[in-house]
PDB file of N, CA and C in Angstrom:
ATOM      1  N   MET A   1     -28.015  -0.742   6.258  1.00  0.00           N
ATOM      2  CA  MET A   1     -26.885  -0.205   5.528  1.00  0.00           C
ATOM      3  C   MET A   1     -27.237   1.225   5.122  1.00  0.00           C
ATOM      4  N   ARG A   2     -26.359   2.163   5.481  1.00  0.00           N
ATOM      5  CA  ARG A   2     -26.591   3.563   5.186  1.00  0.00           C
ATOM      6  C   ARG A   2     -26.105   3.854   3.774  1.00  0.00           C
ATOM      7  N   GLU A   3     -27.000   4.008   2.864  1.00  0.00           N
ATOM      8  CA  GLU A   3     -26.579   4.306   1.500  1.00  0.00           C
ATOM      9  C   GLU A   3     -27.654   5.087   0.789  1.00  0.00           C
ATOM     10  N   MET A   4     -27.296   5.711  -0.301  1.00  0.00           N
ATOM     11  CA  MET A   4     -28.262   6.391  -1.143  1.00  0.00           C
ATOM     12  C   MET A   4     -27.799   6.251  -2.582  1.00  0.00           C
ATOM     13  N   MET A   5     -28.685   6.578  -3.489  1.00  0.00           N
ATOM     14  CA  MET A   5     -28.336   6.482  -4.898  1.00  0.00           C
ATOM     15  C   MET A   5     -27.960   7.869  -5.418  1.00  0.00           C
ATOM     16  N   GLU A   6     -26.919   7.933  -6.208  1.00  0.00           N
ATOM     17  CA  GLU A   6     -26.524   9.137  -6.915  1.00  0.00           C
ATOM     18  C   GLU A   6     -26.234   8.732  -8.348  1.00  0.00           C
ATOM     19  N   GLU A   7     -25.956   9.705  -9.186  1.00  0.00           N
ATOM     20  CA  GLU A   7     -25.701   9.411 -10.588  1.00  0.00           C
ATOM     21  C   GLU A   7     -24.582   8.405 -10.770  1.00  0.00           C
ATOM     22  N   GLU A   8     -23.544   8.475  -9.920  1.00  0.00           N
ATOM     23  CA  GLU A   8     -22.418   7.562 -10.067  1.00  0.00           C
ATOM     24  C   GLU A   8     -22.757   6.150  -9.611  1.00  0.00           C
ATOM     25  N   GLY A   9     -23.800   5.984  -8.841  1.00  0.00           N
ATOM     26  CA  GLY A   9     -24.166   4.673  -8.298  1.00  0.00           C
ATOM     27  C   GLY A   9     -24.311   4.753  -6.797  1.00  0.00           C
ATOM     28  N   LYS A  10     -24.206   3.614  -6.125  1.00  0.00           N
ATOM     29  CA  LYS A  10     -24.384   3.564  -4.685  1.00  0.00           C
ATOM     30  C   LYS A  10     -23.182   4.174  -3.976  1.00  0.00           C
ATOM     31  N   ILE A  11     -23.467   4.999  -2.972  1.00  0.00           N
ATOM     32  CA  ILE A  11     -22.417   5.496  -2.088  1.00  0.00           C
ATOM     33  C   ILE A  11     -22.972   5.573  -0.684  1.00  0.00           C
ATOM     34  N   ASP A  12     -22.094   5.525   0.290  1.00  0.00           N
ATOM     35  CA  ASP A  12     -22.469   5.755   1.665  1.00  0.00           C
ATOM     36  C   ASP A  12     -22.779   7.236   1.789  1.00  0.00           C
ATOM     37  N   ARG A  13     -23.825   7.600   2.510  1.00  0.00           N
ATOM     38  CA  ARG A  13     -24.197   9.012   2.572  1.00  0.00           C
ATOM     39  C   ARG A  13     -23.171   9.867   3.298  1.00  0.00           C
ATOM     40  N   HIS A  14     -22.272   9.259   4.059  1.00  0.00           N
ATOM     41  CA  HIS A  14     -21.228  10.002   4.744  1.00  0.00           C
ATOM     42  C   HIS A  14     -19.916  10.011   3.966  1.00  0.00           C
ATOM     43  N   GLU A  15     -19.905   9.384   2.815  1.00  0.00           N
ATOM     44  CA  GLU A  15     -18.674   9.236   2.030  1.00  0.00           C
ATOM     45  C   GLU A  15     -18.010  10.572   1.735  1.00  0.00           C
ATOM     46  N   LYS A  16     -18.789  11.566   1.349  1.00  0.00           N
ATOM     47  CA  LYS A  16     -18.225  12.862   0.966  1.00  0.00           C
ATOM     48  C   LYS A  16     -17.742  13.659   2.168  1.00  0.00           C
ATOM     49  N   LEU A  17     -18.109  13.257   3.377  1.00  0.00           N
ATOM     50  CA  LEU A  17     -17.715  13.980   4.579  1.00  0.00           C
ATOM     51  C   LEU A  17     -16.458  13.419   5.228  1.00  0.00           C
ATOM     52  N   GLN A  18     -15.877  12.382   4.652  1.00  0.00           N
ATOM     53  CA  GLN A  18     -14.764  11.679   5.285  1.00  0.00           C
ATOM     54  C   GLN A  18     -13.461  12.464   5.317  1.00  0.00           C
ATOM     55  N   GLY A  19     -13.226  13.305   4.351  1.00  0.00           N
ATOM     56  CA  GLY A  19     -11.940  14.003   4.313  1.00  0.00           C
ATOM     57  C   GLY A  19     -10.840  13.085   3.823  1.00  0.00           C
ATOM     58  N   GLY A  20      -9.605  13.484   4.080  1.00  0.00           N
ATOM     59  CA  GLY A  20      -8.463  12.699   3.626  1.00  0.00           C
ATOM     60  C   GLY A  20      -8.244  11.453   4.461  1.00  0.00           C
ATOM     61  N   MET A  21      -7.565  10.497   3.861  1.00  0.00           N
ATOM     62  CA  MET A  21      -7.280   9.243   4.556  1.00  0.00           C
ATOM     63  C   MET A  21      -6.266   9.495   5.671  1.00  0.00           C
ATOM     64  N   PRO A  22      -6.509   8.961   6.848  1.00  0.00           N
ATOM     65  CA  PRO A  22      -5.541   9.119   7.930  1.00  0.00           C
ATOM     66  C   PRO A  22      -4.312   8.245   7.680  1.00  0.00           C
ATOM     67  N   ASP A  23      -3.194   8.617   8.289  1.00  0.00           N
ATOM     68  CA  ASP A  23      -2.005   7.775   8.246  1.00  0.00           C
ATOM     69  C   ASP A  23      -2.299   6.483   9.006  1.00  0.00           C
ATOM     70  N   ILE A  24      -1.783   5.379   8.504  1.00  0.00           N
ATOM     71  CA  ILE A  24      -1.982   4.100   9.189  1.00  0.00           C
ATOM     72  C   ILE A  24      -0.770   3.878  10.089  1.00  0.00           C
ATOM     73  N   ASP A  25      -0.870   4.442  11.278  1.00  0.00           N
ATOM     74  CA  ASP A  25       0.191   4.343  12.270  1.00  0.00           C
ATOM     75  C   ASP A  25      -0.442   4.379  13.660  1.00  0.00           C
ATOM     76  N   GLU A  26       0.380   4.531  14.693  1.00  0.00           N
ATOM     77  CA  GLU A  26      -0.107   4.476  16.073  1.00  0.00           C
ATOM     78  C   GLU A  26      -1.148   5.549  16.391  1.00  0.00           C
ATOM     79  N   THR A  27      -1.212   6.606  15.592  1.00  0.00           N
ATOM     80  CA  THR A  27      -2.217   7.641  15.845  1.00  0.00           C
ATOM     81  C   THR A  27      -3.640   7.121  15.599  1.00  0.00           C
ATOM     82  N   LEU A  28      -3.755   5.955  14.959  1.00  0.00           N
ATOM     83  CA  LEU A  28      -5.083   5.364  14.726  1.00  0.00           C
ATOM     84  C   LEU A  28      -5.635   4.618  15.947  1.00  0.00           C
ATOM     85  N   ILE A  29      -4.812   4.397  16.954  1.00  0.00           N
ATOM     86  CA  ILE A  29      -5.314   3.695  18.149  1.00  0.00           C
ATOM     87  C   ILE A  29      -6.441   4.524  18.754  1.00  0.00           C
ATOM     88  N   ASN A  30      -7.547   3.857  19.055  1.00  0.00           N
ATOM     89  CA  ASN A  30      -8.803   4.433  19.548  1.00  0.00           C
ATOM     90  C   ASN A  30      -9.615   5.117  18.454  1.00  0.00           C
ATOM     91  N   PHE A  31      -9.200   4.991  17.201  1.00  0.00           N
ATOM     92  CA  PHE A  31      -9.917   5.526  16.040  1.00  0.00           C
ATOM     93  C   PHE A  31     -11.143   4.647  15.792  1.00  0.00           C
ATOM     94  N   CYS A  32     -12.310   5.263  15.708  1.00  0.00           N
ATOM     95  CA  CYS A  32     -13.536   4.515  15.401  1.00  0.00           C
ATOM     96  C   CYS A  32     -13.612   4.332  13.889  1.00  0.00           C
ATOM     97  N   ILE A  33     -13.892   3.108  13.480  1.00  0.00           N
ATOM     98  CA  ILE A  33     -13.824   2.726  12.071  1.00  0.00           C
ATOM     99  C   ILE A  33     -15.088   1.968  11.676  1.00  0.00           C
ATOM    100  N   GLU A  34     -15.418   2.052  10.411  1.00  0.00           N
ATOM    101  CA  GLU A  34     -16.427   1.183   9.807  1.00  0.00           C
ATOM    102  C   GLU A  34     -15.740   0.459   8.663  1.00  0.00           C
ATOM    103  N   GLN A  35     -16.063  -0.807   8.515  1.00  0.00           N
ATOM    104  CA  GLN A  35     -15.537  -1.575   7.386  1.00  0.00           C
ATOM    105  C   GLN A  35     -16.704  -2.327   6.771  1.00  0.00           C
ATOM    106  N   LEU A  36     -16.759  -2.338   5.453  1.00  0.00           N
ATOM    107  CA  LEU A  36     -17.857  -2.971   4.738  1.00  0.00           C
ATOM    108  C   LEU A  36     -17.545  -4.445   4.502  1.00  0.00           C
ATOM    109  N   TRP A  37     -18.444  -5.288   4.956  1.00  0.00           N
ATOM    110  CA  TRP A  37     -18.277  -6.738   4.842  1.00  0.00           C
ATOM    111  C   TRP A  37     -19.435  -7.336   4.058  1.00  0.00           C
ATOM    112  N   GLU A  38     -19.144  -8.455   3.427  1.00  0.00           N
ATOM    113  CA  GLU A  38     -20.179  -9.212   2.726  1.00  0.00           C
ATOM    114  C   GLU A  38     -20.479 -10.462   3.550  1.00  0.00           C
ATOM    115  N   PHE A  39     -21.745 -10.646   3.874  1.00  0.00           N
ATOM    116  CA  PHE A  39     -22.184 -11.814   4.625  1.00  0.00           C
ATOM    117  C   PHE A  39     -23.110 -12.646   3.744  1.00  0.00           C
ATOM    118  N   ILE A  40     -22.971 -13.956   3.836  1.00  0.00           N
ATOM    119  CA  ILE A  40     -23.829 -14.868   3.087  1.00  0.00           C
ATOM    120  C   ILE A  40     -24.927 -15.360   4.028  1.00  0.00           C
ATOM    121  N   GLU A  41     -26.155 -15.129   3.625  1.00  0.00           N
ATOM    122  CA  GLU A  41     -27.318 -15.523   4.423  1.00  0.00           C
ATOM    123  C   GLU A  41     -27.625 -17.014   4.229  1.00  0.00           C
ATOM    124  N   ASN A  42     -28.525 -17.545   5.051  1.00  0.00           N
ATOM    125  CA  ASN A  42     -28.912 -18.954   4.954  1.00  0.00           C
ATOM    126  C   ASN A  42     -29.479 -19.317   3.588  1.00  0.00           C
ATOM    127  N   ASP A  43     -30.098 -18.348   2.910  1.00  0.00           N
ATOM    128  CA  ASP A  43     -30.668 -18.617   1.583  1.00  0.00           C
ATOM    129  C   ASP A  43     -29.641 -18.401   0.469  1.00  0.00           C
ATOM    130  N   SER A  44     -28.356 -18.256   0.830  1.00  0.00           N
ATOM    131  CA  SER A  44     -27.228 -18.059  -0.085  1.00  0.00           C
ATOM    132  C   SER A  44     -27.157 -16.661  -0.703  1.00  0.00           C
ATOM    133  N   SER A  45     -28.000 -15.741  -0.269  1.00  0.00           N
ATOM    134  CA  SER A  45     -27.915 -14.375  -0.787  1.00  0.00           C
ATOM    135  C   SER A  45     -26.791 -13.636  -0.061  1.00  0.00           C
ATOM    136  N   ALA A  46     -26.166 -12.721  -0.769  1.00  0.00           N
ATOM    137  CA  ALA A  46     -25.080 -11.923  -0.203  1.00  0.00           C
ATOM    138  C   ALA A  46     -25.647 -10.590   0.284  1.00  0.00           C
ATOM    139  N   VAL A  47     -25.221 -10.186   1.482  1.00  0.00           N
ATOM    140  CA  VAL A  47     -25.673  -8.942   2.087  1.00  0.00           C
ATOM    141  C   VAL A  47     -24.451  -8.131   2.495  1.00  0.00           C
ATOM    142  N   LEU A  48     -24.407  -6.858   2.076  1.00  0.00           N
ATOM    143  CA  LEU A  48     -23.336  -5.968   2.495  1.00  0.00           C
ATOM    144  C   LEU A  48     -23.740  -5.256   3.782  1.00  0.00           C
ATOM    145  N   GLN A  49     -22.797  -5.135   4.718  1.00  0.00           N
ATOM    146  CA  GLN A  49     -23.095  -4.480   5.988  1.00  0.00           C
ATOM    147  C   GLN A  49     -21.862  -3.736   6.481  1.00  0.00           C
ATOM    148  N   TRP A  50     -22.057  -2.467   6.865  1.00  0.00           N
ATOM    149  CA  TRP A  50     -20.993  -1.706   7.507  1.00  0.00           C
ATOM    150  C   TRP A  50     -20.900  -2.170   8.945  1.00  0.00           C
ATOM    151  N   CYS A  51     -19.710  -2.592   9.363  1.00  0.00           N
ATOM    152  CA  CYS A  51     -19.465  -3.042  10.730  1.00  0.00           C
ATOM    153  C   CYS A  51     -18.577  -2.019  11.426  1.00  0.00           C
ATOM    154  N   LYS A  52     -18.950  -1.684  12.671  1.00  0.00           N
ATOM    155  CA  LYS A  52     -18.220  -0.660  13.421  1.00  0.00           C
ATOM    156  C   LYS A  52     -17.311  -1.292  14.455  1.00  0.00           C
ATOM    157  N   GLY A  53     -16.172  -0.624  14.659  1.00  0.00           N
ATOM    158  CA  GLY A  53     -15.241  -1.071  15.671  1.00  0.00           C
ATOM    159  C   GLY A  53     -14.259   0.034  16.011  1.00  0.00           C
ATOM    160  N   THR A  54     -13.326  -0.300  16.895  1.00  0.00           N
ATOM    161  CA  THR A  54     -12.304   0.634  17.338  1.00  0.00           C
ATOM    162  C   THR A  54     -10.935  -0.008  17.138  1.00  0.00           C
ATOM    163  N   ILE A  55     -10.007   0.737  16.566  1.00  0.00           N
ATOM    164  CA  ILE A  55      -8.653   0.221  16.376  1.00  0.00           C
ATOM    165  C   ILE A  55      -7.958   0.203  17.736  1.00  0.00           C
ATOM    166  N   VAL A  56      -7.472  -0.978  18.115  1.00  0.00           N
ATOM    167  CA  VAL A  56      -6.826  -1.140  19.421  1.00  0.00           C
ATOM    168  C   VAL A  56      -5.337  -1.459  19.287  1.00  0.00           C
ATOM    169  N   GLY A  57      -4.860  -1.669  18.072  1.00  0.00           N
ATOM    170  CA  GLY A  57      -3.450  -1.939  17.855  1.00  0.00           C
ATOM    171  C   GLY A  57      -3.089  -1.724  16.398  1.00  0.00           C
ATOM    172  N   VAL A  58      -1.842  -1.334  16.159  1.00  0.00           N
ATOM    173  CA  VAL A  58      -1.352  -1.123  14.794  1.00  0.00           C
ATOM    174  C   VAL A  58      -0.122  -1.994  14.603  1.00  0.00           C
ATOM    175  N   LYS A  59      -0.095  -2.747  13.518  1.00  0.00           N
ATOM    176  CA  LYS A  59       1.016  -3.637  13.177  1.00  0.00           C
ATOM    177  C   LYS A  59       1.730  -3.102  11.942  1.00  0.00           C
ATOM    178  N   LYS A  60       2.586  -3.898  11.345  1.00  0.00           N
ATOM    179  CA  LYS A  60       3.288  -3.525  10.116  1.00  0.00           C
ATOM    180  C   LYS A  60       2.388  -3.727   8.905  1.00  0.00           C
ATOM    181  N   ASP A  61       2.780  -3.117   7.799  1.00  0.00           N
ATOM    182  CA  ASP A  61       2.118  -3.323   6.499  1.00  0.00           C
ATOM    183  C   ASP A  61       0.631  -2.986   6.513  1.00  0.00           C
ATOM    184  N   ASN A  62       0.260  -1.893   7.173  1.00  0.00           N
ATOM    185  CA  ASN A  62      -1.125  -1.408   7.206  1.00  0.00           C
ATOM    186  C   ASN A  62      -2.091  -2.359   7.909  1.00  0.00           C
ATOM    187  N   LYS A  63      -1.580  -3.234   8.753  1.00  0.00           N
ATOM    188  CA  LYS A  63      -2.440  -4.140   9.511  1.00  0.00           C
ATOM    189  C   LYS A  63      -2.755  -3.529  10.869  1.00  0.00           C
ATOM    190  N   VAL A  64      -4.002  -3.690  11.257  1.00  0.00           N
ATOM    191  CA  VAL A  64      -4.461  -3.166  12.540  1.00  0.00           C
ATOM    192  C   VAL A  64      -5.285  -4.236  13.254  1.00  0.00           C
ATOM    193  N   HIS A  65      -5.406  -4.083  14.559  1.00  0.00           N
ATOM    194  CA  HIS A  65      -6.314  -4.915  15.338  1.00  0.00           C
ATOM    195  C   HIS A  65      -7.547  -4.074  15.618  1.00  0.00           C
ATOM    196  N   ILE A  66      -8.708  -4.640  15.293  1.00  0.00           N
ATOM    197  CA  ILE A  66      -9.973  -3.943  15.486  1.00  0.00           C
ATOM    198  C   ILE A  66     -10.808  -4.697  16.518  1.00  0.00           C
ATOM    199  N   LYS A  67     -11.276  -3.961  17.524  1.00  0.00           N
ATOM    200  CA  LYS A  67     -12.237  -4.506  18.483  1.00  0.00           C
ATOM    201  C   LYS A  67     -13.612  -4.092  17.980  1.00  0.00           C
ATOM    202  N   TRP A  68     -14.403  -5.085  17.570  1.00  0.00           N
ATOM    203  CA  TRP A  68     -15.694  -4.828  16.935  1.00  0.00           C
ATOM    204  C   TRP A  68     -16.765  -4.520  17.971  1.00  0.00           C
ATOM    205  N   ASP A  69     -17.631  -3.567  17.645  1.00  0.00           N
ATOM    206  CA  ASP A  69     -18.786  -3.264  18.485  1.00  0.00           C
ATOM    207  C   ASP A  69     -19.677  -4.493  18.559  1.00  0.00           C
ATOM    208  N   LYS A  70     -20.340  -4.668  19.681  1.00  0.00           N
ATOM    209  CA  LYS A  70     -21.213  -5.833  19.874  1.00  0.00           C
ATOM    210  C   LYS A  70     -22.270  -5.938  18.779  1.00  0.00           C
ATOM    211  N   GLU A  71     -22.781  -4.797  18.315  1.00  0.00           N
ATOM    212  CA  GLU A  71     -23.828  -4.806  17.279  1.00  0.00           C
ATOM    213  C   GLU A  71     -23.315  -5.337  15.941  1.00  0.00           C
ATOM    214  N   SER A  72     -22.005  -5.340  15.756  1.00  0.00           N
ATOM    215  CA  SER A  72     -21.423  -5.799  14.496  1.00  0.00           C
ATOM    216  C   SER A  72     -21.031  -7.268  14.520  1.00  0.00           C
ATOM    217  N   LEU A  73     -21.084  -7.882  15.696  1.00  0.00           N
ATOM    218  CA  LEU A  73     -20.670  -9.281  15.819  1.00  0.00           C
ATOM    219  C   LEU A  73     -21.839 -10.226  15.604  1.00  0.00           C
ATOM    220  N   ARG A  74     -21.554 -11.331  14.946  1.00  0.00           N
ATOM    221  CA  ARG A  74     -22.521 -12.420  14.823  1.00  0.00           C
ATOM    222  C   ARG A  74     -22.092 -13.521  15.777  1.00  0.00           C
ATOM    223  N   ASP A  75     -22.951 -14.472  16.046  1.00  0.00           N
ATOM    224  CA  ASP A  75     -22.603 -15.578  16.938  1.00  0.00           C
ATOM    225  C   ASP A  75     -21.321 -16.250  16.458  1.00  0.00           C
ATOM    226  N   GLY A  76     -20.367 -16.412  17.362  1.00  0.00           N
ATOM    227  CA  GLY A  76     -19.120 -17.086  17.036  1.00  0.00           C
ATOM    228  C   GLY A  76     -18.025 -16.197  16.468  1.00  0.00           C
ATOM    229  N   ASP A  77     -18.331 -14.939  16.153  1.00  0.00           N
ATOM    230  CA  ASP A  77     -17.303 -14.033  15.626  1.00  0.00           C
ATOM    231  C   ASP A  77     -16.346 -13.635  16.734  1.00  0.00           C
ATOM    232  N   PRO A  78     -15.051 -13.526  16.429  1.00  0.00           N
ATOM    233  CA  PRO A  78     -14.106 -13.039  17.439  1.00  0.00           C
ATOM    234  C   PRO A  78     -14.337 -11.550  17.694  1.00  0.00           C
ATOM    235  N   GLU A  79     -14.115 -11.122  18.927  1.00  0.00           N
ATOM    236  CA  GLU A  79     -14.321  -9.723  19.300  1.00  0.00           C
ATOM    237  C   GLU A  79     -13.250  -8.815  18.690  1.00  0.00           C
ATOM    238  N   ILE A  80     -12.022  -9.345  18.553  1.00  0.00           N
ATOM    239  CA  ILE A  80     -10.912  -8.581  17.976  1.00  0.00           C
ATOM    240  C   ILE A  80     -10.343  -9.370  16.801  1.00  0.00           C
ATOM    241  N   THR A  81     -10.142  -8.688  15.674  1.00  0.00           N
ATOM    242  CA  THR A  81      -9.537  -9.329  14.508  1.00  0.00           C
ATOM    243  C   THR A  81      -8.409  -8.447  13.970  1.00  0.00           C
ATOM    244  N   GLN A  82      -7.527  -9.049  13.199  1.00  0.00           N
ATOM    245  CA  GLN A  82      -6.488  -8.299  12.503  1.00  0.00           C
ATOM    246  C   GLN A  82      -6.956  -8.088  11.069  1.00  0.00           C
ATOM    247  N   GLU A  83      -6.932  -6.849  10.635  1.00  0.00           N
ATOM    248  CA  GLU A  83      -7.371  -6.497   9.287  1.00  0.00           C
ATOM    249  C   GLU A  83      -6.308  -5.654   8.607  1.00  0.00           C
ATOM    250  N   LYS A  84      -6.196  -5.794   7.292  1.00  0.00           N
ATOM    251  CA  LYS A  84      -5.292  -4.949   6.510  1.00  0.00           C
ATOM    252  C   LYS A  84      -6.130  -3.818   5.922  1.00  0.00           C
ATOM    253  N   LEU A  85      -5.757  -2.595   6.256  1.00  0.00           N
ATOM    254  CA  LEU A  85      -6.471  -1.426   5.736  1.00  0.00           C
ATOM    255  C   LEU A  85      -5.809  -0.995   4.436  1.00  0.00           C
ATOM    256  N   LEU A  86      -6.411  -1.379   3.344  1.00  0.00           N
ATOM    257  CA  LEU A  86      -5.852  -1.069   2.036  1.00  0.00           C
ATOM    258  C   LEU A  86      -6.103   0.393   1.679  1.00  0.00           C
ATOM    259  N   VAL A  87      -5.060   1.060   1.227  1.00  0.00           N
ATOM    260  CA  VAL A  87      -5.174   2.449   0.809  1.00  0.00           C
ATOM    261  C   VAL A  87      -6.216   2.574  -0.297  1.00  0.00           C
ATOM    262  N   THR A  88      -6.268   1.609  -1.186  1.00  0.00           N
ATOM    263  CA  THR A  88      -7.205   1.650  -2.320  1.00  0.00           C
ATOM    264  C   THR A  88      -8.657   1.443  -1.887  1.00  0.00           C
ATOM    265  N   LYS A  89      -8.877   1.058  -0.638  1.00  0.00           N
ATOM    266  CA  LYS A  89     -10.234   0.827  -0.141  1.00  0.00           C
ATOM    267  C   LYS A  89     -10.722   1.953   0.771  1.00  0.00           C
ATOM    268  N   TRP A  90      -9.888   2.985   0.997  1.00  0.00           N
ATOM    269  CA  TRP A  90     -10.293   4.099   1.853  1.00  0.00           C
ATOM    270  C   TRP A  90     -11.533   4.778   1.277  1.00  0.00           C
ATOM    271  N   ASN A  91     -12.560   4.858   2.110  1.00  0.00           N
ATOM    272  CA  ASN A  91     -13.778   5.595   1.783  1.00  0.00           C
ATOM    273  C   ASN A  91     -14.450   5.069   0.512  1.00  0.00           C
ATOM    274  N   LYS A  92     -14.374   3.767   0.305  1.00  0.00           N
ATOM    275  CA  LYS A  92     -14.996   3.135  -0.863  1.00  0.00           C
ATOM    276  C   LYS A  92     -16.175   2.277  -0.420  1.00  0.00           C
ATOM    277  N   HIS A  93     -17.172   2.217  -1.271  1.00  0.00           N
ATOM    278  CA  HIS A  93     -18.361   1.419  -0.990  1.00  0.00           C
ATOM    279  C   HIS A  93     -18.208   0.057  -1.692  1.00  0.00           C
ATOM    280  N   ASN A  94     -17.186  -0.706  -1.243  1.00  0.00           N
ATOM    281  CA  ASN A  94     -17.013  -2.060  -1.728  1.00  0.00           C
ATOM    282  C   ASN A  94     -16.458  -2.905  -0.600  1.00  0.00           C
ATOM    283  N   VAL A  95     -16.481  -4.202  -0.759  1.00  0.00           N
ATOM    284  CA  VAL A  95     -16.085  -5.107   0.306  1.00  0.00           C
ATOM    285  C   VAL A  95     -14.690  -4.751   0.809  1.00  0.00           C
ATOM    286  N   ARG A  96     -14.549  -4.676   2.108  1.00  0.00           N
ATOM    287  CA  ARG A  96     -13.344  -4.285   2.845  1.00  0.00           C
ATOM    288  C   ARG A  96     -13.050  -2.794   2.738  1.00  0.00           C
ATOM    289  N   GLY A  97     -13.992  -2.020   2.153  1.00  0.00           N
ATOM    290  CA  GLY A  97     -13.858  -0.567   2.195  1.00  0.00           C
ATOM    291  C   GLY A  97     -13.880  -0.121   3.645  1.00  0.00           C
ATOM    292  N   TRP A  98     -13.221   0.981   3.955  1.00  0.00           N
ATOM    293  CA  TRP A  98     -13.172   1.435   5.345  1.00  0.00           C
ATOM    294  C   TRP A  98     -13.232   2.950   5.405  1.00  0.00           C
ATOM    295  N   GLN A  99     -13.718   3.432   6.557  1.00  0.00           N
ATOM    296  CA  GLN A  99     -13.885   4.872   6.751  1.00  0.00           C
ATOM    297  C   GLN A  99     -14.048   5.152   8.243  1.00  0.00           C
ATOM    298  N   ARG A 100     -14.072   6.431   8.582  1.00  0.00           N
ATOM    299  CA  ARG A 100     -14.337   6.827   9.966  1.00  0.00           C
ATOM    300  C   ARG A 100     -15.766   6.456  10.323  1.00  0.00           C
ATOM    301  N   ALA A 101     -15.970   6.046  11.553  1.00  0.00           N
ATOM    302  CA  ALA A 101     -17.326   5.723  12.005  1.00  0.00           C
ATOM    303  C   ALA A 101     -18.023   6.968  12.484  1.00  0.00           C
TER     304      ALA A 101
END
């Protein structure tokens, strides 16, 4: 997980380089994205991980189809999922936060 500590707390080191949030429309097709997910390990500990993928479709209500990079998939995970890109989660270091890859 790419992160560093600052006075405000944990942030992704690329957070300040993201710029403004893109419009969630067809212009996002082929947009490389990272989304922060929480995974539960076998010992019940929670681990945050940025997962990379490419937007391959845009639906209504800020929903997109993401084709996940192989490195981001675990055994049994679907290669493409539908995710809602919340405006309040743009460039945030919290679960379901999203940003440019």
